[in-house]
């Protein structure tokens, strides 16, 4: 399966590994790139961005990208590192795309902006980004305040912009990839599915929590502040009972709670970032197996549906 983003990003398959704080390491990014997708390193890891890039370069000769949370204190340094290291792809999020897009593009970097509503997509268009990830409320971590579903958001963003659009949020298998392609997207970005892989450094207990999750086991906390989709646990249940002032204070330290869940396996007091698609994930396998099953399955789905429609015509 080849789409516009395959040529744009110099990858074999139209699958991007979503950037994930603490666990978006060189090992996961390199495994994704080696399997034909695009791996993304998050700048917030225990080893730090410099070391992650160094390690990634040792274990893959394929392109990989760096995530830049635009409003983060280290964003300017990350931009400089990307340019100095000759990284060719950036996924940008959480902030105004105008801030760094031109600077990066002038250095030959492809800029992919993550958006969660149509206004943000149009702003990305004004900034002349190369590509947009339209991420629905089903996504884990920080999915945006407007709670627009992937199925609703992706077609509207496609209609609004004349650049390649990548679908994200609630996608974890061949059916999700095939659906995204049929909506008009050029590919998909996934996070939760890549957590439940051999190469992800997430704690085994956290991976098991994803396998155990059902369709109703995630929730959005921090609405009106900085929303996060998490697996329900004692922390999320207690959080919902707090007053607004206390909620705001708690959200300031939520990234550390996420670290506790993902790296130390704290399933009680950790913030267990996870997408709604967890209910469809039932095994921990290699990144290569995830991508292979998705591509082969999506091609079969699209081909079989085309035959079915042709036979009925």
C-alpha atoms as a PDB file:
ATOM      1  CA  UNK A   1       0.000   0.000   0.000  1.00  0.00           C
ATOM      2  CA  UNK A   2       1.544   3.260  -1.126  1.00  0.00           C
ATOM      3  CA  UNK A   3       0.124   6.759  -0.705  1.00  0.00           C
ATOM      4  CA  UNK A   4       1.370  10.335  -1.082  1.00  0.00           C
ATOM      5  CA  UNK A   5       2.989  10.380   2.348  1.00  0.00           C
ATOM      6  CA  UNK A   6       5.131   7.372   1.487  1.00  0.00           C
ATOM      7  CA  UNK A   7       7.003   9.419  -1.115  1.00  0.00           C
ATOM      8  CA  UNK A   8       6.880  12.569   1.017  1.00  0.00           C
ATOM      9  CA  UNK A   9       8.425  10.864   4.052  1.00  0.00           C
ATOM     10  CA  UNK A  10      10.515   8.258   2.196  1.00  0.00           C
ATOM     11  CA  UNK A  11       8.743   5.350   3.881  1.00  0.00           C
ATOM     12  CA  UNK A  12       7.311   2.076   2.604  1.00  0.00           C
ATOM     13  CA  UNK A  13       3.985   2.015   4.479  1.00  0.00           C
ATOM     14  CA  UNK A  14       1.634   4.902   5.393  1.00  0.00           C
ATOM     15  CA  UNK A  15       1.860   4.309   9.140  1.00  0.00           C
ATOM     16  CA  UNK A  16       3.309   6.770  11.647  1.00  0.00           C
ATOM     17  CA  UNK A  17       4.104   5.901  15.243  1.00  0.00           C
ATOM     18  CA  UNK A  18       2.573   8.579  17.443  1.00  0.00           C
ATOM     19  CA  UNK A  19       4.911  10.541  19.690  1.00  0.00           C
ATOM     20  CA  UNK A  20       4.495   9.452  23.317  1.00  0.00           C
ATOM     21  CA  UNK A  21       6.235  11.059  26.273  1.00  0.00           C
ATOM     22  CA  UNK A  22       8.580   8.769  28.247  1.00  0.00           C
ATOM     23  CA  UNK A  23       8.093   5.769  25.959  1.00  0.00           C
ATOM     24  CA  UNK A  24       8.632   7.293  22.500  1.00  0.00           C
ATOM     25  CA  UNK A  25      12.256   6.162  22.583  1.00  0.00           C
ATOM     26  CA  UNK A  26      14.856   5.296  19.959  1.00  0.00           C
ATOM     27  CA  UNK A  27      14.047   1.586  20.195  1.00  0.00           C
ATOM     28  CA  UNK A  28      10.380   2.051  19.340  1.00  0.00           C
ATOM     29  CA  UNK A  29      11.010   4.665  16.661  1.00  0.00           C
ATOM     30  CA  UNK A  30      13.742   2.616  14.995  1.00  0.00           C
ATOM     31  CA  UNK A  31      11.627  -0.553  15.042  1.00  0.00           C
ATOM     32  CA  UNK A  32       8.774   1.325  13.354  1.00  0.00           C
ATOM     33  CA  UNK A  33      11.061   2.796  10.711  1.00  0.00           C
ATOM     34  CA  UNK A  34      12.789  -0.541  10.112  1.00  0.00           C
ATOM     35  CA  UNK A  35       9.368  -2.115   9.537  1.00  0.00           C
ATOM     36  CA  UNK A  36       8.551   0.436   6.846  1.00  0.00           C
ATOM     37  CA  UNK A  37       6.627   3.049   8.831  1.00  0.00           C
ATOM     38  CA  UNK A  38       7.833   6.313  10.331  1.00  0.00           C
ATOM     39  CA  UNK A  39       9.080   6.175  13.897  1.00  0.00           C
ATOM     40  CA  UNK A  40       8.863   9.300  16.042  1.00  0.00           C
ATOM     41  CA  UNK A  41      11.075  10.095  19.030  1.00  0.00           C
ATOM     42  CA  UNK A  42       9.523  12.167  21.816  1.00  0.00           C
ATOM     43  CA  UNK A  43      11.837  14.766  23.401  1.00  0.00           C
ATOM     44  CA  UNK A  44      10.640  13.818  26.913  1.00  0.00           C
ATOM     45  CA  UNK A  45      12.401  10.566  27.757  1.00  0.00           C
ATOM     46  CA  UNK A  46      14.664   9.612  30.641  1.00  0.00           C
ATOM     47  CA  UNK A  47      17.714   9.578  28.359  1.00  0.00           C
ATOM     48  CA  UNK A  48      16.930  12.888  26.661  1.00  0.00           C
ATOM     49  CA  UNK A  49      16.681  13.839  22.996  1.00  0.00           C
ATOM     50  CA  UNK A  50      20.423  13.882  22.233  1.00  0.00           C
ATOM     51  CA  UNK A  51      20.919  10.319  23.421  1.00  0.00           C
ATOM     52  CA  UNK A  52      17.747   9.048  21.752  1.00  0.00           C
ATOM     53  CA  UNK A  53      18.895  10.364  18.372  1.00  0.00           C
ATOM     54  CA  UNK A  54      22.348   8.864  18.881  1.00  0.00           C
ATOM     55  CA  UNK A  55      20.901   5.435  19.680  1.00  0.00           C
ATOM     56  CA  UNK A  56      18.345   5.551  16.869  1.00  0.00           C
ATOM     57  CA  UNK A  57      21.075   6.251  14.334  1.00  0.00           C
ATOM     58  CA  UNK A  58      22.901   3.113  15.475  1.00  0.00           C
ATOM     59  CA  UNK A  59      19.915   0.793  15.040  1.00  0.00           C
ATOM     60  CA  UNK A  60      18.245   2.123  11.905  1.00  0.00           C
ATOM     61  CA  UNK A  61      19.368   3.627   8.630  1.00  0.00           C
ATOM     62  CA  UNK A  62      15.769   4.557   7.789  1.00  0.00           C
ATOM     63  CA  UNK A  63      14.173   7.996   8.259  1.00  0.00           C
ATOM     64  CA  UNK A  64      12.696   8.774  11.663  1.00  0.00           C
ATOM     65  CA  UNK A  65      11.166  11.935  13.063  1.00  0.00           C
ATOM     66  CA  UNK A  66      11.206  14.050  16.198  1.00  0.00           C
ATOM     67  CA  UNK A  67       8.140  15.400  17.984  1.00  0.00           C
ATOM     68  CA  UNK A  68       8.188  19.046  19.043  1.00  0.00           C
ATOM     69  CA  UNK A  69       5.527  20.175  21.536  1.00  0.00           C
ATOM     70  CA  UNK A  70       5.573  23.820  20.441  1.00  0.00           C
ATOM     71  CA  UNK A  71       4.691  25.338  23.814  1.00  0.00           C
ATOM     72  CA  UNK A  72       7.158  23.236  25.800  1.00  0.00           C
ATOM     73  CA  UNK A  73      10.140  25.008  27.413  1.00  0.00           C
ATOM     74  CA  UNK A  74      12.602  22.948  25.375  1.00  0.00           C
ATOM     75  CA  UNK A  75      10.976  23.508  21.981  1.00  0.00           C
ATOM     76  CA  UNK A  76      13.612  25.945  20.632  1.00  0.00           C
ATOM     77  CA  UNK A  77      16.418  23.635  21.626  1.00  0.00           C
ATOM     78  CA  UNK A  78      14.626  20.691  19.994  1.00  0.00           C
ATOM     79  CA  UNK A  79      14.250  22.662  16.762  1.00  0.00           C
ATOM     80  CA  UNK A  80      17.972  23.451  16.775  1.00  0.00           C
ATOM     81  CA  UNK A  81      18.816  19.812  17.442  1.00  0.00           C
ATOM     82  CA  UNK A  82      16.628  18.669  14.554  1.00  0.00           C
ATOM     83  CA  UNK A  83      18.390  21.071  12.192  1.00  0.00           C
ATOM     84  CA  UNK A  84      21.890  20.318  13.487  1.00  0.00           C
ATOM     85  CA  UNK A  85      21.342  16.566  13.233  1.00  0.00           C
ATOM     86  CA  UNK A  86      19.813  16.683   9.766  1.00  0.00           C
ATOM     87  CA  UNK A  87      16.523  15.122  10.883  1.00  0.00           C
ATOM     88  CA  UNK A  88      14.121  15.238   7.934  1.00  0.00           C
ATOM     89  CA  UNK A  89      10.711  15.011   9.646  1.00  0.00           C
ATOM     90  CA  UNK A  90       9.067  16.753  12.591  1.00  0.00           C
ATOM     91  CA  UNK A  91       5.640  16.168  14.055  1.00  0.00           C
ATOM     92  CA  UNK A  92       4.584  19.364  15.823  1.00  0.00           C
ATOM     93  CA  UNK A  93       1.841  19.647  18.416  1.00  0.00           C
ATOM     94  CA  UNK A  94       0.414  21.749  21.250  1.00  0.00           C
ATOM     95  CA  UNK A  95       0.983  25.253  19.905  1.00  0.00           C
ATOM     96  CA  UNK A  96       0.861  27.651  16.959  1.00  0.00           C
ATOM     97  CA  UNK A  97       2.417  26.032  13.856  1.00  0.00           C
ATOM     98  CA  UNK A  98       3.521  29.436  12.575  1.00  0.00           C
ATOM     99  CA  UNK A  99       6.216  29.567  15.279  1.00  0.00           C
ATOM    100  CA  UNK A 100       8.676  27.043  13.841  1.00  0.00           C
ATOM    101  CA  UNK A 101       7.331  25.786  10.486  1.00  0.00           C
ATOM    102  CA  UNK A 102       9.193  28.119   8.127  1.00  0.00           C
ATOM    103  CA  UNK A 103      12.467  27.826  10.036  1.00  0.00           C
ATOM    104  CA  UNK A 104      12.297  24.046   9.823  1.00  0.00           C
ATOM    105  CA  UNK A 105      11.207  23.951   6.186  1.00  0.00           C
ATOM    106  CA  UNK A 106      14.005  26.337   5.191  1.00  0.00           C
ATOM    107  CA  UNK A 107      16.381  23.638   6.468  1.00  0.00           C
ATOM    108  CA  UNK A 108      14.661  20.910   4.450  1.00  0.00           C
ATOM    109  CA  UNK A 109      12.543  19.489   7.294  1.00  0.00           C
ATOM    110  CA  UNK A 110       9.067  18.136   6.502  1.00  0.00           C
ATOM    111  CA  UNK A 111       6.629  19.536   9.081  1.00  0.00           C
ATOM    112  CA  UNK A 112       3.587  17.513  10.115  1.00  0.00           C
ATOM    113  CA  UNK A 113       1.192  19.353  12.431  1.00  0.00           C
ATOM    114  CA  UNK A 114      -1.152  17.471  14.770  1.00  0.00           C
ATOM    115  CA  UNK A 115      -4.592  19.097  15.054  1.00  0.00           C
ATOM    116  CA  UNK A 116      -7.769  18.265  16.937  1.00  0.00           C
ATOM    117  CA  UNK A 117     -10.277  20.641  15.346  1.00  0.00           C
ATOM    118  CA  UNK A 118     -10.944  22.428  12.061  1.00  0.00           C
ATOM    119  CA  UNK A 119      -9.776  25.855  13.260  1.00  0.00           C
ATOM    120  CA  UNK A 120      -6.386  24.417  14.195  1.00  0.00           C
ATOM    121  CA  UNK A 121      -6.232  22.631  10.829  1.00  0.00           C
ATOM    122  CA  UNK A 122      -6.846  25.897   8.987  1.00  0.00           C
ATOM    123  CA  UNK A 123      -4.151  27.597  11.059  1.00  0.00           C
ATOM    124  CA  UNK A 124      -1.768  24.798  10.056  1.00  0.00           C
ATOM    125  CA  UNK A 125      -2.745  25.448   6.443  1.00  0.00           C
ATOM    126  CA  UNK A 126      -1.946  29.140   6.861  1.00  0.00           C
ATOM    127  CA  UNK A 127       1.448  28.173   8.271  1.00  0.00           C
ATOM    128  CA  UNK A 128       1.996  26.103   5.113  1.00  0.00           C
ATOM    129  CA  UNK A 129       2.841  22.886   6.924  1.00  0.00           C
ATOM    130  CA  UNK A 130       3.526  19.906   4.679  1.00  0.00           C
ATOM    131  CA  UNK A 131       0.983  17.557   6.202  1.00  0.00           C
ATOM    132  CA  UNK A 132      -1.603  17.403   9.000  1.00  0.00           C
ATOM    133  CA  UNK A 133      -2.518  14.669  11.452  1.00  0.00           C
ATOM    134  CA  UNK A 134      -6.220  14.985  12.275  1.00  0.00           C
ATOM    135  CA  UNK A 135      -6.555  13.370  15.710  1.00  0.00           C
ATOM    136  CA  UNK A 136      -9.953  12.522  17.164  1.00  0.00           C
ATOM    137  CA  UNK A 137     -11.094  12.345  20.781  1.00  0.00           C
ATOM    138  CA  UNK A 138     -10.617   8.564  20.760  1.00  0.00           C
ATOM    139  CA  UNK A 139      -6.848   9.077  21.015  1.00  0.00           C
ATOM    140  CA  UNK A 140      -4.941   8.434  24.217  1.00  0.00           C
ATOM    141  CA  UNK A 141      -2.969  11.080  26.058  1.00  0.00           C
ATOM    142  CA  UNK A 142      -3.992  14.657  25.231  1.00  0.00           C
ATOM    143  CA  UNK A 143      -6.691  14.521  22.527  1.00  0.00           C
ATOM    144  CA  UNK A 144      -7.894  18.150  22.535  1.00  0.00           C
ATOM    145  CA  UNK A 145     -10.764  19.979  24.180  1.00  0.00           C
ATOM    146  CA  UNK A 146     -13.464  19.801  21.507  1.00  0.00           C
ATOM    147  CA  UNK A 147     -14.071  16.047  21.626  1.00  0.00           C
ATOM    148  CA  UNK A 148     -14.536  15.634  17.869  1.00  0.00           C
ATOM    149  CA  UNK A 149     -14.429  12.016  16.747  1.00  0.00           C
ATOM    150  CA  UNK A 150     -11.958  10.820  14.143  1.00  0.00           C
ATOM    151  CA  UNK A 151     -14.757   9.821  11.767  1.00  0.00           C
ATOM    152  CA  UNK A 152     -16.152  13.367  11.871  1.00  0.00           C
ATOM    153  CA  UNK A 153     -12.875  15.290  11.978  1.00  0.00           C
ATOM    154  CA  UNK A 154     -10.878  13.646   9.211  1.00  0.00           C
ATOM    155  CA  UNK A 155     -13.284  14.325   6.293  1.00  0.00           C
ATOM    156  CA  UNK A 156     -13.769  17.940   7.373  1.00  0.00           C
ATOM    157  CA  UNK A 157     -10.021  18.551   7.527  1.00  0.00           C
ATOM    158  CA  UNK A 158      -9.575  16.865   4.139  1.00  0.00           C
ATOM    159  CA  UNK A 159     -12.205  19.163   2.656  1.00  0.00           C
ATOM    160  CA  UNK A 160     -10.591  22.254   4.193  1.00  0.00           C
ATOM    161  CA  UNK A 161      -6.953  21.700   3.204  1.00  0.00           C
ATOM    162  CA  UNK A 162      -5.135  20.855  -0.009  1.00  0.00           C
ATOM    163  CA  UNK A 163      -2.326  18.886   1.635  1.00  0.00           C
ATOM    164  CA  UNK A 164      -2.047  15.240   2.723  1.00  0.00           C
ATOM    165  CA  UNK A 165      -4.058  14.349   5.827  1.00  0.00           C
ATOM    166  CA  UNK A 166      -3.230  11.538   8.233  1.00  0.00           C
ATOM    167  CA  UNK A 167      -5.934  10.067  10.477  1.00  0.00           C
ATOM    168  CA  UNK A 168      -5.392   9.394  14.185  1.00  0.00           C
ATOM    169  CA  UNK A 169      -7.466   8.449  17.204  1.00  0.00           C
ATOM    170  CA  UNK A 170      -8.956   5.006  17.834  1.00  0.00           C
ATOM    171  CA  UNK A 171      -6.930   3.311  15.083  1.00  0.00           C
ATOM    172  CA  UNK A 172      -5.060   0.109  15.908  1.00  0.00           C
ATOM    173  CA  UNK A 173      -5.604  -2.472  13.172  1.00  0.00           C
ATOM    174  CA  UNK A 174      -6.203  -3.179   9.482  1.00  0.00           C
ATOM    175  CA  UNK A 175      -9.820  -2.086   9.697  1.00  0.00           C
ATOM    176  CA  UNK A 176      -8.788   1.294  11.051  1.00  0.00           C
ATOM    177  CA  UNK A 177      -6.223   1.791   8.310  1.00  0.00           C
ATOM    178  CA  UNK A 178      -8.681   0.749   5.598  1.00  0.00           C
ATOM    179  CA  UNK A 179     -11.317   3.082   7.054  1.00  0.00           C
ATOM    180  CA  UNK A 180      -8.894   6.002   7.087  1.00  0.00           C
ATOM    181  CA  UNK A 181      -7.947   5.405   3.455  1.00  0.00           C
ATOM    182  CA  UNK A 182     -11.620   5.245   2.458  1.00  0.00           C
ATOM    183  CA  UNK A 183     -12.236   8.550   4.247  1.00  0.00           C
ATOM    184  CA  UNK A 184      -9.581  10.094   2.016  1.00  0.00           C
ATOM    185  CA  UNK A 185      -6.662  10.122   4.447  1.00  0.00           C
ATOM    186  CA  UNK A 186      -3.178   9.281   3.165  1.00  0.00           C
ATOM    187  CA  UNK A 187      -2.281   7.181   6.176  1.00  0.00           C
ATOM    188  CA  UNK A 188      -2.633   6.760   9.930  1.00  0.00           C
ATOM    189  CA  UNK A 189      -0.855   7.670  13.135  1.00  0.00           C
ATOM    190  CA  UNK A 190      -1.092   5.285  16.092  1.00  0.00           C
ATOM    191  CA  UNK A 191       0.088   5.419  19.680  1.00  0.00           C
ATOM    192  CA  UNK A 192      -1.686   2.870  21.880  1.00  0.00           C
ATOM    193  CA  UNK A 193      -1.170  -0.040  19.468  1.00  0.00           C
ATOM    194  CA  UNK A 194       2.582   0.600  19.524  1.00  0.00           C
ATOM    195  CA  UNK A 195       2.682   0.544  23.331  1.00  0.00           C
ATOM    196  CA  UNK A 196       1.614  -3.102  23.291  1.00  0.00           C
ATOM    197  CA  UNK A 197       4.707  -4.180  21.370  1.00  0.00           C
ATOM    198  CA  UNK A 198       7.915  -5.964  22.256  1.00  0.00           C
ATOM    199  CA  UNK A 199      10.075  -2.937  21.460  1.00  0.00           C
ATOM    200  CA  UNK A 200       8.197  -0.415  23.592  1.00  0.00           C
ATOM    201  CA  UNK A 201       9.861   0.198  26.971  1.00  0.00           C
ATOM    202  CA  UNK A 202       6.527   0.645  28.763  1.00  0.00           C
ATOM    203  CA  UNK A 203       6.199  -1.408  31.951  1.00  0.00           C
ATOM    204  CA  UNK A 204       4.749  -4.888  31.431  1.00  0.00           C
ATOM    205  CA  UNK A 205       1.925  -4.134  33.884  1.00  0.00           C
ATOM    206  CA  UNK A 206       0.930  -1.105  31.823  1.00  0.00           C
ATOM    207  CA  UNK A 207       0.931  -3.192  28.649  1.00  0.00           C
ATOM    208  CA  UNK A 208      -1.236  -5.786  30.415  1.00  0.00           C
ATOM    209  CA  UNK A 209      -3.661  -3.053  31.474  1.00  0.00           C
ATOM    210  CA  UNK A 210      -4.113  -2.188  27.801  1.00  0.00           C
ATOM    211  CA  UNK A 211      -4.785  -5.837  26.940  1.00  0.00           C
ATOM    212  CA  UNK A 212      -7.303  -6.058  29.801  1.00  0.00           C
ATOM    213  CA  UNK A 213      -9.145  -2.855  28.867  1.00  0.00           C
ATOM    214  CA  UNK A 214     -12.624  -3.058  27.344  1.00  0.00           C
ATOM    215  CA  UNK A 215     -14.614  -0.562  25.305  1.00  0.00           C
ATOM    216  CA  UNK A 216     -15.738   1.306  28.448  1.00  0.00           C
ATOM    217  CA  UNK A 217     -12.468   1.331  30.395  1.00  0.00           C
ATOM    218  CA  UNK A 218     -11.050   4.669  29.262  1.00  0.00           C
ATOM    219  CA  UNK A 219     -12.220   8.131  30.245  1.00  0.00           C
ATOM    220  CA  UNK A 220     -11.262  11.767  29.657  1.00  0.00           C
ATOM    221  CA  UNK A 221     -10.014  13.650  32.701  1.00  0.00           C
ATOM    222  CA  UNK A 222      -9.097  17.330  32.928  1.00  0.00           C
ATOM    223  CA  UNK A 223     -11.892  18.623  30.723  1.00  0.00           C
ATOM    224  CA  UNK A 224     -11.683  22.403  30.409  1.00  0.00           C
ATOM    225  CA  UNK A 225      -8.048  22.367  31.602  1.00  0.00           C
ATOM    226  CA  UNK A 226      -5.789  19.995  29.645  1.00  0.00           C
ATOM    227  CA  UNK A 227      -7.826  16.900  28.772  1.00  0.00           C
ATOM    228  CA  UNK A 228      -6.246  13.449  28.916  1.00  0.00           C
ATOM    229  CA  UNK A 229      -7.684  10.111  27.852  1.00  0.00           C
ATOM    230  CA  UNK A 230      -6.659   7.485  30.380  1.00  0.00           C
ATOM    231  CA  UNK A 231      -7.559   4.008  31.551  1.00  0.00           C
ATOM    232  CA  UNK A 232      -9.841   4.333  34.558  1.00  0.00           C
ATOM    233  CA  UNK A 233      -8.183   3.728  37.922  1.00  0.00           C
ATOM    234  CA  UNK A 234      -8.246   5.048  41.473  1.00  0.00           C
ATOM    235  CA  UNK A 235      -6.536   8.289  40.474  1.00  0.00           C
ATOM    236  CA  UNK A 236      -8.928   9.081  37.609  1.00  0.00           C
ATOM    237  CA  UNK A 237     -11.956   8.240  39.767  1.00  0.00           C
ATOM    238  CA  UNK A 238     -10.717  10.487  42.574  1.00  0.00           C
ATOM    239  CA  UNK A 239      -9.789  13.239  40.135  1.00  0.00           C
ATOM    240  CA  UNK A 240     -13.358  13.510  38.884  1.00  0.00           C
ATOM    241  CA  UNK A 241     -14.537  14.363  42.402  1.00  0.00           C
ATOM    242  CA  UNK A 242     -12.114  17.268  42.877  1.00  0.00           C
ATOM    243  CA  UNK A 243     -13.093  20.929  42.658  1.00  0.00           C
ATOM    244  CA  UNK A 244     -11.818  22.928  39.692  1.00  0.00           C
ATOM    245  CA  UNK A 245      -8.946  24.558  41.579  1.00  0.00           C
ATOM    246  CA  UNK A 246      -7.605  21.219  42.785  1.00  0.00           C
ATOM    247  CA  UNK A 247      -8.043  19.690  39.334  1.00  0.00           C
ATOM    248  CA  UNK A 248      -5.929  22.481  37.852  1.00  0.00           C
ATOM    249  CA  UNK A 249      -3.176  21.818  40.384  1.00  0.00           C
ATOM    250  CA  UNK A 250      -3.254  18.076  39.715  1.00  0.00           C
ATOM    251  CA  UNK A 251      -2.987  18.555  35.936  1.00  0.00           C
ATOM    252  CA  UNK A 252       0.278  20.464  36.414  1.00  0.00           C
ATOM    253  CA  UNK A 253       1.902  17.242  37.583  1.00  0.00           C
ATOM    254  CA  UNK A 254      -0.010  14.830  35.363  1.00  0.00           C
ATOM    255  CA  UNK A 255       2.935  14.150  33.072  1.00  0.00           C
ATOM    256  CA  UNK A 256       4.812  12.792  36.094  1.00  0.00           C
ATOM    257  CA  UNK A 257       1.829  10.579  36.917  1.00  0.00           C
ATOM    258  CA  UNK A 258       1.949   9.321  33.335  1.00  0.00           C
ATOM    259  CA  UNK A 259       5.630   8.520  33.785  1.00  0.00           C
ATOM    260  CA  UNK A 260       4.799   6.571  36.942  1.00  0.00           C
ATOM    261  CA  UNK A 261       2.200   4.512  35.091  1.00  0.00           C
ATOM    262  CA  UNK A 262       4.128   3.863  31.914  1.00  0.00           C
ATOM    263  CA  UNK A 263       7.637   3.319  33.260  1.00  0.00           C
ATOM    264  CA  UNK A 264       7.040   2.032  36.796  1.00  0.00           C
ATOM    265  CA  UNK A 265       3.727   0.267  36.311  1.00  0.00           C
ATOM    266  CA  UNK A 266       1.798   2.347  38.868  1.00  0.00           C
ATOM    267  CA  UNK A 267      -1.720   1.365  37.870  1.00  0.00           C
ATOM    268  CA  UNK A 268      -3.307   2.901  40.972  1.00  0.00           C
ATOM    269  CA  UNK A 269      -1.996   6.465  41.177  1.00  0.00           C
ATOM    270  CA  UNK A 270      -0.510   6.789  37.707  1.00  0.00           C
ATOM    271  CA  UNK A 271      -2.155   8.584  34.807  1.00  0.00           C
ATOM    272  CA  UNK A 272      -2.628   5.729  32.361  1.00  0.00           C
ATOM    273  CA  UNK A 273      -2.627   7.421  28.953  1.00  0.00           C
ATOM    274  CA  UNK A 274      -4.441   5.119  26.548  1.00  0.00           C
ATOM    275  CA  UNK A 275      -6.757   5.329  23.531  1.00  0.00           C
ATOM    276  CA  UNK A 276     -10.256   3.896  23.206  1.00  0.00           C
ATOM    277  CA  UNK A 277      -8.959   1.298  20.757  1.00  0.00           C
ATOM    278  CA  UNK A 278      -7.439  -0.627  23.684  1.00  0.00           C
ATOM    279  CA  UNK A 279     -10.555  -2.779  23.684  1.00  0.00           C
ATOM    280  CA  UNK A 280      -9.421  -4.184  20.327  1.00  0.00           C
ATOM    281  CA  UNK A 281      -5.838  -4.930  21.365  1.00  0.00           C
ATOM    282  CA  UNK A 282      -5.343  -8.416  22.763  1.00  0.00           C
ATOM    283  CA  UNK A 283      -1.676  -9.291  22.334  1.00  0.00           C
ATOM    284  CA  UNK A 284       1.826  -7.896  22.699  1.00  0.00           C
ATOM    285  CA  UNK A 285       3.707  -8.526  19.463  1.00  0.00           C
ATOM    286  CA  UNK A 286       6.606  -7.013  17.554  1.00  0.00           C
ATOM    287  CA  UNK A 287       6.292  -3.672  15.779  1.00  0.00           C
ATOM    288  CA  UNK A 288       7.055  -5.453  12.523  1.00  0.00           C
ATOM    289  CA  UNK A 289       4.139  -7.847  13.103  1.00  0.00           C
ATOM    290  CA  UNK A 290       1.777  -4.962  13.881  1.00  0.00           C
ATOM    291  CA  UNK A 291       2.615  -3.171  10.649  1.00  0.00           C
ATOM    292  CA  UNK A 292       2.623  -6.339   8.520  1.00  0.00           C
ATOM    293  CA  UNK A 293      -0.818  -7.390   9.775  1.00  0.00           C
ATOM    294  CA  UNK A 294      -2.206  -3.900   9.245  1.00  0.00           C
ATOM    295  CA  UNK A 295      -0.956  -3.488   5.692  1.00  0.00           C
ATOM    296  CA  UNK A 296      -1.893  -6.972   4.493  1.00  0.00           C
ATOM    297  CA  UNK A 297      -5.268  -6.826   6.220  1.00  0.00           C
ATOM    298  CA  UNK A 298      -6.147  -3.361   4.927  1.00  0.00           C
ATOM    299  CA  UNK A 299      -5.208  -4.302   1.373  1.00  0.00           C
ATOM    300  CA  UNK A 300      -7.446  -7.374   1.603  1.00  0.00           C
ATOM    301  CA  UNK A 301     -10.339  -5.372   3.044  1.00  0.00           C
ATOM    302  CA  UNK A 302     -10.165  -2.687   0.360  1.00  0.00           C
ATOM    303  CA  UNK A 303      -9.705  -5.242  -2.423  1.00  0.00           C
ATOM    304  CA  UNK A 304     -12.570  -7.455  -1.243  1.00  0.00           C
ATOM    305  CA  UNK A 305     -14.944  -4.505  -0.861  1.00  0.00           C
ATOM    306  CA  UNK A 306     -14.065  -3.308  -4.363  1.00  0.00           C
ATOM    307  CA  UNK A 307     -14.840  -6.767  -5.755  1.00  0.00           C
ATOM    308  CA  UNK A 308     -18.103  -6.929  -3.807  1.00  0.00           C
ATOM    309  CA  UNK A 309     -19.231  -3.552  -5.123  1.00  0.00           C
ATOM    310  CA  UNK A 310     -18.200  -4.495  -8.664  1.00  0.00           C
ATOM    311  CA  UNK A 311     -20.185  -7.735  -8.504  1.00  0.00           C
ATOM    312  CA  UNK A 312     -23.272  -5.923  -7.271  1.00  0.00           C
ATOM    313  CA  UNK A 313     -23.105  -3.209  -9.933  1.00  0.00           C
END
